[in-house]
Amino acid sequence: MTRHFTDHPASVGESYTEHFRVAAHFARCLTKAAGAAAVHAVVPSMCKTTASECIRELYAEMNSSARGHASADAASADAA
C-alpha cells in the first residue's frame, strides 16, 4: 500500500511531502486558470490571456528545476 504514495514521487526525485506541495500548487494554479476561462467564456473582454498565461507558467515550472516554486518567488517579489 505504501508504494501508492511513494513510487511516483520518488520517480520524479521528490519525497511524498515535496510532491504533495508541488501537486497542490499546480492544482491551485489550474483552478485559477479554470476560473479565468469560465469568466472569459461569459464575458469575452475579461481575462483574455489569464488562463493561457497560467498554463505557460506551469509548463515552464514543470520543466525547470524550480518545480512548485516559481509562483511563490513571484509572489515574494510582488510583495517587496
PDB file of N, CA and C in Angstrom:
ATOM      1  N   MET A   1       0.826  -1.205   0.000  1.00  0.00           N
ATOM      2  CA  MET A   1       0.000   0.000   0.000  1.00  0.00           C
ATOM      3  C   MET A   1       0.867   1.265   0.000  1.00  0.00           C
ATOM      4  N   THR A   2       1.960   1.265   0.710  1.00  0.00           N
ATOM      5  CA  THR A   2       2.824   2.430   0.806  1.00  0.00           C
ATOM      6  C   THR A   2       3.324   2.881  -0.563  1.00  0.00           C
ATOM      7  N   ARG A   3       3.553   1.924  -1.457  1.00  0.00           N
ATOM      8  CA  ARG A   3       4.111   2.281  -2.761  1.00  0.00           C
ATOM      9  C   ARG A   3       3.192   3.214  -3.545  1.00  0.00           C
ATOM     10  N   HIS A   4       1.883   3.195  -3.267  1.00  0.00           N
ATOM     11  CA  HIS A   4       0.957   4.107  -3.937  1.00  0.00           C
ATOM     12  C   HIS A   4       1.277   5.562  -3.600  1.00  0.00           C
ATOM     13  N   PHE A   5       1.918   5.764  -2.469  1.00  0.00           N
ATOM     14  CA  PHE A   5       2.238   7.111  -2.016  1.00  0.00           C
ATOM     15  C   PHE A   5       3.695   7.497  -2.252  1.00  0.00           C
ATOM     16  N   THR A   6       4.536   6.537  -2.574  1.00  0.00           N
ATOM     17  CA  THR A   6       5.964   6.843  -2.660  1.00  0.00           C
ATOM     18  C   THR A   6       6.599   6.575  -4.022  1.00  0.00           C
ATOM     19  N   ASP A   7       6.078   5.645  -4.797  1.00  0.00           N
ATOM     20  CA  ASP A   7       6.731   5.284  -6.068  1.00  0.00           C
ATOM     21  C   ASP A   7       6.812   6.458  -7.035  1.00  0.00           C
ATOM     22  N   HIS A   8       5.698   7.091  -7.318  1.00  0.00           N
ATOM     23  CA  HIS A   8       5.721   8.195  -8.279  1.00  0.00           C
ATOM     24  C   HIS A   8       6.540   9.375  -7.779  1.00  0.00           C
ATOM     25  N   PRO A   9       6.334   9.851  -6.546  1.00  0.00           N
ATOM     26  CA  PRO A   9       7.177  10.960  -6.079  1.00  0.00           C
ATOM     27  C   PRO A   9       8.675  10.639  -6.205  1.00  0.00           C
ATOM     28  N   ALA A  10       9.050   9.425  -5.864  1.00  0.00           N
ATOM     29  CA  ALA A  10      10.463   9.032  -5.977  1.00  0.00           C
ATOM     30  C   ALA A  10      10.919   9.058  -7.432  1.00  0.00           C
ATOM     31  N   SER A  11      10.020   8.716  -8.358  1.00  0.00           N
ATOM     32  CA  SER A  11      10.400   8.687  -9.773  1.00  0.00           C
ATOM     33  C   SER A  11      10.687  10.080 -10.326  1.00  0.00           C
ATOM     34  N   VAL A  12      10.199  11.120  -9.656  1.00  0.00           N
ATOM     35  CA  VAL A  12      10.496  12.492 -10.076  1.00  0.00           C
ATOM     36  C   VAL A  12      11.440  13.185  -9.087  1.00  0.00           C
ATOM     37  N   GLY A  13      12.062  12.394  -8.230  1.00  0.00           N
ATOM     38  CA  GLY A  13      13.080  12.923  -7.316  1.00  0.00           C
ATOM     39  C   GLY A  13      12.535  13.718  -6.143  1.00  0.00           C
ATOM     40  N   GLU A  14      11.343  13.365  -5.676  1.00  0.00           N
ATOM     41  CA  GLU A  14      10.740  14.086  -4.571  1.00  0.00           C
ATOM     42  C   GLU A  14      10.270  13.122  -3.490  1.00  0.00           C
ATOM     43  N   SER A  15      10.175  13.637  -2.272  1.00  0.00           N
ATOM     44  CA  SER A  15       9.537  12.872  -1.204  1.00  0.00           C
ATOM     45  C   SER A  15       8.028  13.016  -1.376  1.00  0.00           C
ATOM     46  N   TYR A  16       7.266  12.257  -0.602  1.00  0.00           N
ATOM     47  CA  TYR A  16       5.808  12.386  -0.667  1.00  0.00           C
ATOM     48  C   TYR A  16       5.385  13.819  -0.345  1.00  0.00           C
ATOM     49  N   THR A  17       5.963  14.389   0.706  1.00  0.00           N
ATOM     50  CA  THR A  17       5.605  15.743   1.134  1.00  0.00           C
ATOM     51  C   THR A  17       5.954  16.774   0.071  1.00  0.00           C
ATOM     52  N   GLU A  18       7.142  16.664  -0.507  1.00  0.00           N
ATOM     53  CA  GLU A  18       7.525  17.592  -1.579  1.00  0.00           C
ATOM     54  C   GLU A  18       6.572  17.476  -2.761  1.00  0.00           C
ATOM     55  N   HIS A  19       6.262  16.251  -3.147  1.00  0.00           N
ATOM     56  CA  HIS A  19       5.362  16.034  -4.280  1.00  0.00           C
ATOM     57  C   HIS A  19       3.970  16.566  -3.974  1.00  0.00           C
ATOM     58  N   PHE A  20       3.492  16.361  -2.758  1.00  0.00           N
ATOM     59  CA  PHE A  20       2.187  16.889  -2.364  1.00  0.00           C
ATOM     60  C   PHE A  20       2.157  18.401  -2.510  1.00  0.00           C
ATOM     61  N   ARG A  21       3.209  19.062  -2.026  1.00  0.00           N
ATOM     62  CA  ARG A  21       3.287  20.528  -2.091  1.00  0.00           C
ATOM     63  C   ARG A  21       3.261  21.008  -3.548  1.00  0.00           C
ATOM     64  N   VAL A  22       4.050  20.365  -4.413  1.00  0.00           N
ATOM     65  CA  VAL A  22       4.098  20.746  -5.827  1.00  0.00           C
ATOM     66  C   VAL A  22       2.740  20.500  -6.489  1.00  0.00           C
ATOM     67  N   ALA A  23       2.162  19.325  -6.263  1.00  0.00           N
ATOM     68  CA  ALA A  23       0.877  18.989  -6.879  1.00  0.00           C
ATOM     69  C   ALA A  23      -0.231  19.931  -6.397  1.00  0.00           C
ATOM     70  N   ALA A  24      -0.219  20.283  -5.118  1.00  0.00           N
ATOM     71  CA  ALA A  24      -1.227  21.211  -4.587  1.00  0.00           C
ATOM     72  C   ALA A  24      -1.056  22.594  -5.208  1.00  0.00           C
ATOM     73  N   HIS A  25       0.184  23.017  -5.393  1.00  0.00           N
ATOM     74  CA  HIS A  25       0.469  24.303  -6.053  1.00  0.00           C
ATOM     75  C   HIS A  25      -0.084  24.289  -7.477  1.00  0.00           C
ATOM     76  N   PHE A  26       0.168  23.198  -8.201  1.00  0.00           N
ATOM     77  CA  PHE A  26      -0.336  23.083  -9.564  1.00  0.00           C
ATOM     78  C   PHE A  26      -1.856  23.110  -9.568  1.00  0.00           C
ATOM     79  N   ALA A  27      -2.485  22.448  -8.619  1.00  0.00           N
ATOM     80  CA  ALA A  27      -3.947  22.427  -8.535  1.00  0.00           C
ATOM     81  C   ALA A  27      -4.499  23.837  -8.324  1.00  0.00           C
ATOM     82  N   ARG A  28      -3.848  24.610  -7.454  1.00  0.00           N
ATOM     83  CA  ARG A  28      -4.285  25.999  -7.225  1.00  0.00           C
ATOM     84  C   ARG A  28      -4.175  26.810  -8.510  1.00  0.00           C
ATOM     85  N   CYS A  29      -3.058  26.669  -9.215  1.00  0.00           N
ATOM     86  CA  CYS A  29      -2.853  27.419 -10.464  1.00  0.00           C
ATOM     87  C   CYS A  29      -3.864  27.008 -11.530  1.00  0.00           C
ATOM     88  N   LEU A  30      -4.132  25.721 -11.627  1.00  0.00           N
ATOM     89  CA  LEU A  30      -5.105  25.251 -12.614  1.00  0.00           C
ATOM     90  C   LEU A  30      -6.519  25.699 -12.264  1.00  0.00           C
ATOM     91  N   THR A  31      -6.828  25.786 -10.972  1.00  0.00           N
ATOM     92  CA  THR A  31      -8.128  26.287 -10.541  1.00  0.00           C
ATOM     93  C   THR A  31      -8.284  27.752 -10.938  1.00  0.00           C
ATOM     94  N   LYS A  32      -7.218  28.521 -10.751  1.00  0.00           N
ATOM     95  CA  LYS A  32      -7.222  29.930 -11.173  1.00  0.00           C
ATOM     96  C   LYS A  32      -7.433  30.020 -12.684  1.00  0.00           C
ATOM     97  N   ALA A  33      -6.729  29.201 -13.449  1.00  0.00           N
ATOM     98  CA  ALA A  33      -6.863  29.214 -14.907  1.00  0.00           C
ATOM     99  C   ALA A  33      -8.279  28.835 -15.322  1.00  0.00           C
ATOM    100  N   ALA A  34      -8.850  27.827 -14.670  1.00  0.00           N
ATOM    101  CA  ALA A  34     -10.209  27.403 -14.994  1.00  0.00           C
ATOM    102  C   ALA A  34     -11.220  28.509 -14.696  1.00  0.00           C
ATOM    103  N   GLY A  35     -11.047  29.172 -13.579  1.00  0.00           N
ATOM    104  CA  GLY A  35     -11.947  30.280 -13.231  1.00  0.00           C
ATOM    105  C   GLY A  35     -11.848  31.414 -14.242  1.00  0.00           C
ATOM    106  N   ALA A  36     -10.629  31.747 -14.636  1.00  0.00           N
ATOM    107  CA  ALA A  36     -10.431  32.807 -15.624  1.00  0.00           C
ATOM    108  C   ALA A  36     -11.055  32.420 -16.959  1.00  0.00           C
ATOM    109  N   ALA A  37     -10.903  31.160 -17.343  1.00  0.00           N
ATOM    110  CA  ALA A  37     -11.501  30.695 -18.602  1.00  0.00           C
ATOM    111  C   ALA A  37     -13.023  30.757 -18.537  1.00  0.00           C
ATOM    112  N   ALA A  38     -13.593  30.432 -17.387  1.00  0.00           N
ATOM    113  CA  ALA A  38     -15.051  30.494 -17.230  1.00  0.00           C
ATOM    114  C   ALA A  38     -15.544  31.940 -17.324  1.00  0.00           C
ATOM    115  N   VAL A  39     -14.833  32.845 -16.662  1.00  0.00           N
ATOM    116  CA  VAL A  39     -15.189  34.269 -16.746  1.00  0.00           C
ATOM    117  C   VAL A  39     -15.094  34.729 -18.201  1.00  0.00           C
ATOM    118  N   HIS A  40     -14.016  34.362 -18.871  1.00  0.00           N
ATOM    119  CA  HIS A  40     -13.809  34.747 -20.267  1.00  0.00           C
ATOM    120  C   HIS A  40     -14.910  34.184 -21.172  1.00  0.00           C
ATOM    121  N   ALA A  41     -15.388  32.990 -20.874  1.00  0.00           N
ATOM    122  CA  ALA A  41     -16.459  32.394 -21.676  1.00  0.00           C
ATOM    123  C   ALA A  41     -17.735  33.228 -21.607  1.00  0.00           C
ATOM    124  N   VAL A  42     -18.007  33.798 -20.432  1.00  0.00           N
ATOM    125  CA  VAL A  42     -19.218  34.591 -20.235  1.00  0.00           C
ATOM    126  C   VAL A  42     -19.029  36.021 -20.725  1.00  0.00           C
ATOM    127  N   VAL A  43     -17.860  36.615 -20.401  1.00  0.00           N
ATOM    128  CA  VAL A  43     -17.563  37.998 -20.782  1.00  0.00           C
ATOM    129  C   VAL A  43     -16.229  37.985 -21.538  1.00  0.00           C
ATOM    130  N   PRO A  44     -16.269  37.828 -22.858  1.00  0.00           N
ATOM    131  CA  PRO A  44     -15.047  37.659 -23.647  1.00  0.00           C
ATOM    132  C   PRO A  44     -14.017  38.778 -23.509  1.00  0.00           C
ATOM    133  N   SER A  45     -14.428  39.958 -23.084  1.00  0.00           N
ATOM    134  CA  SER A  45     -13.461  41.048 -22.943  1.00  0.00           C
ATOM    135  C   SER A  45     -12.650  40.944 -21.653  1.00  0.00           C
ATOM    136  N   MET A  46     -13.046  40.032 -20.770  1.00  0.00           N
ATOM    137  CA  MET A  46     -12.335  39.866 -19.496  1.00  0.00           C
ATOM    138  C   MET A  46     -11.433  38.637 -19.538  1.00  0.00           C
ATOM    139  N   CYS A  47     -10.362  38.689 -18.787  1.00  0.00           N
ATOM    140  CA  CYS A  47      -9.441  37.551 -18.619  1.00  0.00           C
ATOM    141  C   CYS A  47      -9.013  36.971 -19.970  1.00  0.00           C
ATOM    142  N   LYS A  48      -8.662  37.850 -20.904  1.00  0.00           N
ATOM    143  CA  LYS A  48      -8.323  37.413 -22.260  1.00  0.00           C
ATOM    144  C   LYS A  48      -7.122  36.476 -22.306  1.00  0.00           C
ATOM    145  N   THR A  49      -6.137  36.708 -21.453  1.00  0.00           N
ATOM    146  CA  THR A  49      -4.909  35.893 -21.511  1.00  0.00           C
ATOM    147  C   THR A  49      -4.575  35.200 -20.203  1.00  0.00           C
ATOM    148  N   THR A  50      -5.394  35.374 -19.186  1.00  0.00           N
ATOM    149  CA  THR A  50      -5.070  34.844 -17.862  1.00  0.00           C
ATOM    150  C   THR A  50      -4.864  33.333 -17.865  1.00  0.00           C
ATOM    151  N   ALA A  51      -5.785  32.589 -18.448  1.00  0.00           N
ATOM    152  CA  ALA A  51      -5.683  31.125 -18.448  1.00  0.00           C
ATOM    153  C   ALA A  51      -4.443  30.666 -19.200  1.00  0.00           C
ATOM    154  N   SER A  52      -4.209  31.232 -20.384  1.00  0.00           N
ATOM    155  CA  SER A  52      -3.045  30.800 -21.167  1.00  0.00           C
ATOM    156  C   SER A  52      -1.739  31.184 -20.481  1.00  0.00           C
ATOM    157  N   GLU A  53      -1.715  32.331 -19.790  1.00  0.00           N
ATOM    158  CA  GLU A  53      -0.515  32.717 -19.037  1.00  0.00           C
ATOM    159  C   GLU A  53      -0.251  31.724 -17.905  1.00  0.00           C
ATOM    160  N   CYS A  54      -1.302  31.327 -17.208  1.00  0.00           N
ATOM    161  CA  CYS A  54      -1.163  30.346 -16.123  1.00  0.00           C
ATOM    162  C   CYS A  54      -0.589  29.034 -16.658  1.00  0.00           C
ATOM    163  N   ILE A  55      -1.110  28.583 -17.784  1.00  0.00           N
ATOM    164  CA  ILE A  55      -0.651  27.319 -18.367  1.00  0.00           C
ATOM    165  C   ILE A  55       0.802  27.437 -18.808  1.00  0.00           C
ATOM    166  N   ARG A  56       1.164  28.558 -19.430  1.00  0.00           N
ATOM    167  CA  ARG A  56       2.575  28.754 -19.835  1.00  0.00           C
ATOM    168  C   ARG A  56       3.502  28.734 -18.625  1.00  0.00           C
ATOM    169  N   GLU A  57       3.097  29.408 -17.545  1.00  0.00           N
ATOM    170  CA  GLU A  57       3.909  29.436 -16.324  1.00  0.00           C
ATOM    171  C   GLU A  57       4.060  28.033 -15.741  1.00  0.00           C
ATOM    172  N   LEU A  58       2.966  27.285 -15.693  1.00  0.00           N
ATOM    173  CA  LEU A  58       3.038  25.923 -15.163  1.00  0.00           C
ATOM    174  C   LEU A  58       3.928  25.035 -16.027  1.00  0.00           C
ATOM    175  N   TYR A  59       3.822  25.182 -17.336  1.00  0.00           N
ATOM    176  CA  TYR A  59       4.655  24.386 -18.236  1.00  0.00           C
ATOM    177  C   TYR A  59       6.133  24.681 -17.987  1.00  0.00           C
ATOM    178  N   ALA A  60       6.478  25.962 -17.898  1.00  0.00           N
ATOM    179  CA  ALA A  60       7.863  26.350 -17.646  1.00  0.00           C
ATOM    180  C   ALA A  60       8.332  25.819 -16.295  1.00  0.00           C
ATOM    181  N   GLU A  61       7.465  25.928 -15.306  1.00  0.00           N
ATOM    182  CA  GLU A  61       7.794  25.463 -13.961  1.00  0.00           C
ATOM    183  C   GLU A  61       7.995  23.949 -13.928  1.00  0.00           C
ATOM    184  N   MET A  62       7.126  23.233 -14.617  1.00  0.00           N
ATOM    185  CA  MET A  62       7.202  21.780 -14.625  1.00  0.00           C
ATOM    186  C   MET A  62       8.490  21.289 -15.277  1.00  0.00           C
ATOM    187  N   ASN A  63       8.995  22.058 -16.217  1.00  0.00           N
ATOM    188  CA  ASN A  63      10.184  21.654 -16.955  1.00  0.00           C
ATOM    189  C   ASN A  63      11.459  22.317 -16.442  1.00  0.00           C
ATOM    190  N   SER A  64      11.374  22.946 -15.282  1.00  0.00           N
ATOM    191  CA  SER A  64      12.556  23.561 -14.685  1.00  0.00           C
ATOM    192  C   SER A  64      12.904  22.840 -13.395  1.00  0.00           C
ATOM    193  N   SER A  65      14.003  23.237 -12.814  1.00  0.00           N
ATOM    194  CA  SER A  65      14.400  22.637 -11.542  1.00  0.00           C
ATOM    195  C   SER A  65      13.681  23.296 -10.375  1.00  0.00           C
ATOM    196  N   ALA A  66      12.860  24.306 -10.646  1.00  0.00           N
ATOM    197  CA  ALA A  66      12.170  25.046  -9.586  1.00  0.00           C
ATOM    198  C   ALA A  66      10.715  24.620  -9.460  1.00  0.00           C
ATOM    199  N   ARG A  67      10.433  23.337  -9.650  1.00  0.00           N
ATOM    200  CA  ARG A  67       9.047  22.857  -9.583  1.00  0.00           C
ATOM    201  C   ARG A  67       8.352  23.338  -8.329  1.00  0.00           C
ATOM    202  N   GLY A  68       7.196  23.963  -8.521  1.00  0.00           N
ATOM    203  CA  GLY A  68       6.376  24.388  -7.394  1.00  0.00           C
ATOM    204  C   GLY A  68       6.825  25.652  -6.701  1.00  0.00           C
ATOM    205  N   HIS A  69       7.871  26.318  -7.234  1.00  0.00           N
ATOM    206  CA  HIS A  69       8.406  27.474  -6.523  1.00  0.00           C
ATOM    207  C   HIS A  69       8.311  28.775  -7.312  1.00  0.00           C
ATOM    208  N   ALA A  70       8.055  28.736  -8.608  1.00  0.00           N
ATOM    209  CA  ALA A  70       8.061  29.956  -9.416  1.00  0.00           C
ATOM    210  C   ALA A  70       7.021  30.957  -8.935  1.00  0.00           C
ATOM    211  N   SER A  71       5.807  30.502  -8.662  1.00  0.00           N
ATOM    212  CA  SER A  71       4.761  31.429  -8.224  1.00  0.00           C
ATOM    213  C   SER A  71       5.059  31.969  -6.843  1.00  0.00           C
ATOM    214  N   ALA A  72       5.624  31.158  -5.979  1.00  0.00           N
ATOM    215  CA  ALA A  72       5.984  31.628  -4.641  1.00  0.00           C
ATOM    216  C   ALA A  72       7.060  32.708  -4.749  1.00  0.00           C
ATOM    217  N   ASP A  73       8.018  32.510  -5.650  1.00  0.00           N
ATOM    218  CA  ASP A  73       9.053  33.508  -5.861  1.00  0.00           C
ATOM    219  C   ASP A  73       8.463  34.789  -6.429  1.00  0.00           C
ATOM    220  N   ALA A  74       7.529  34.654  -7.369  1.00  0.00           N
ATOM    221  CA  ALA A  74       6.886  35.824  -7.958  1.00  0.00           C
ATOM    222  C   ALA A  74       6.061  36.564  -6.915  1.00  0.00           C
ATOM    223  N   ALA A  75       5.369  35.830  -6.055  1.00  0.00           N
ATOM    224  CA  ALA A  75       4.570  36.457  -5.005  1.00  0.00           C
ATOM    225  C   ALA A  75       5.461  37.216  -4.036  1.00  0.00           C
ATOM    226  N   SER A  76       6.619  36.654  -3.731  1.00  0.00           N
ATOM    227  CA  SER A  76       7.565  37.335  -2.847  1.00  0.00           C
ATOM    228  C   SER A  76       8.064  38.621  -3.488  1.00  0.00           C
ATOM    229  N   ALA A  77       8.331  38.569  -4.779  1.00  0.00           N
ATOM    230  CA  ALA A  77       8.811  39.758  -5.493  1.00  0.00           C
ATOM    231  C   ALA A  77       7.717  40.821  -5.551  1.00  0.00           C
ATOM    232  N   ASP A  78       6.453  40.393  -5.741  1.00  0.00           N
ATOM    233  CA  ASP A  78       5.338  41.348  -5.786  1.00  0.00           C
ATOM    234  C   ASP A  78       5.154  42.024  -4.434  1.00  0.00           C
ATOM    235  N   ALA A  79       5.382  41.278  -3.362  1.00  0.00           N
ATOM    236  CA  ALA A  79       5.182  41.815  -2.008  1.00  0.00           C
ATOM    237  C   ALA A  79       6.259  42.829  -1.646  1.00  0.00           C
ATOM    238  N   ALA A  80       7.417  42.734  -2.261  1.00  0.00           N
ATOM    239  CA  ALA A  80       8.541  43.624  -1.922  1.00  0.00           C
ATOM    240  C   ALA A  80       8.422  44.988  -2.493  1.00  0.00           C
TER     241      ALA A  80
END
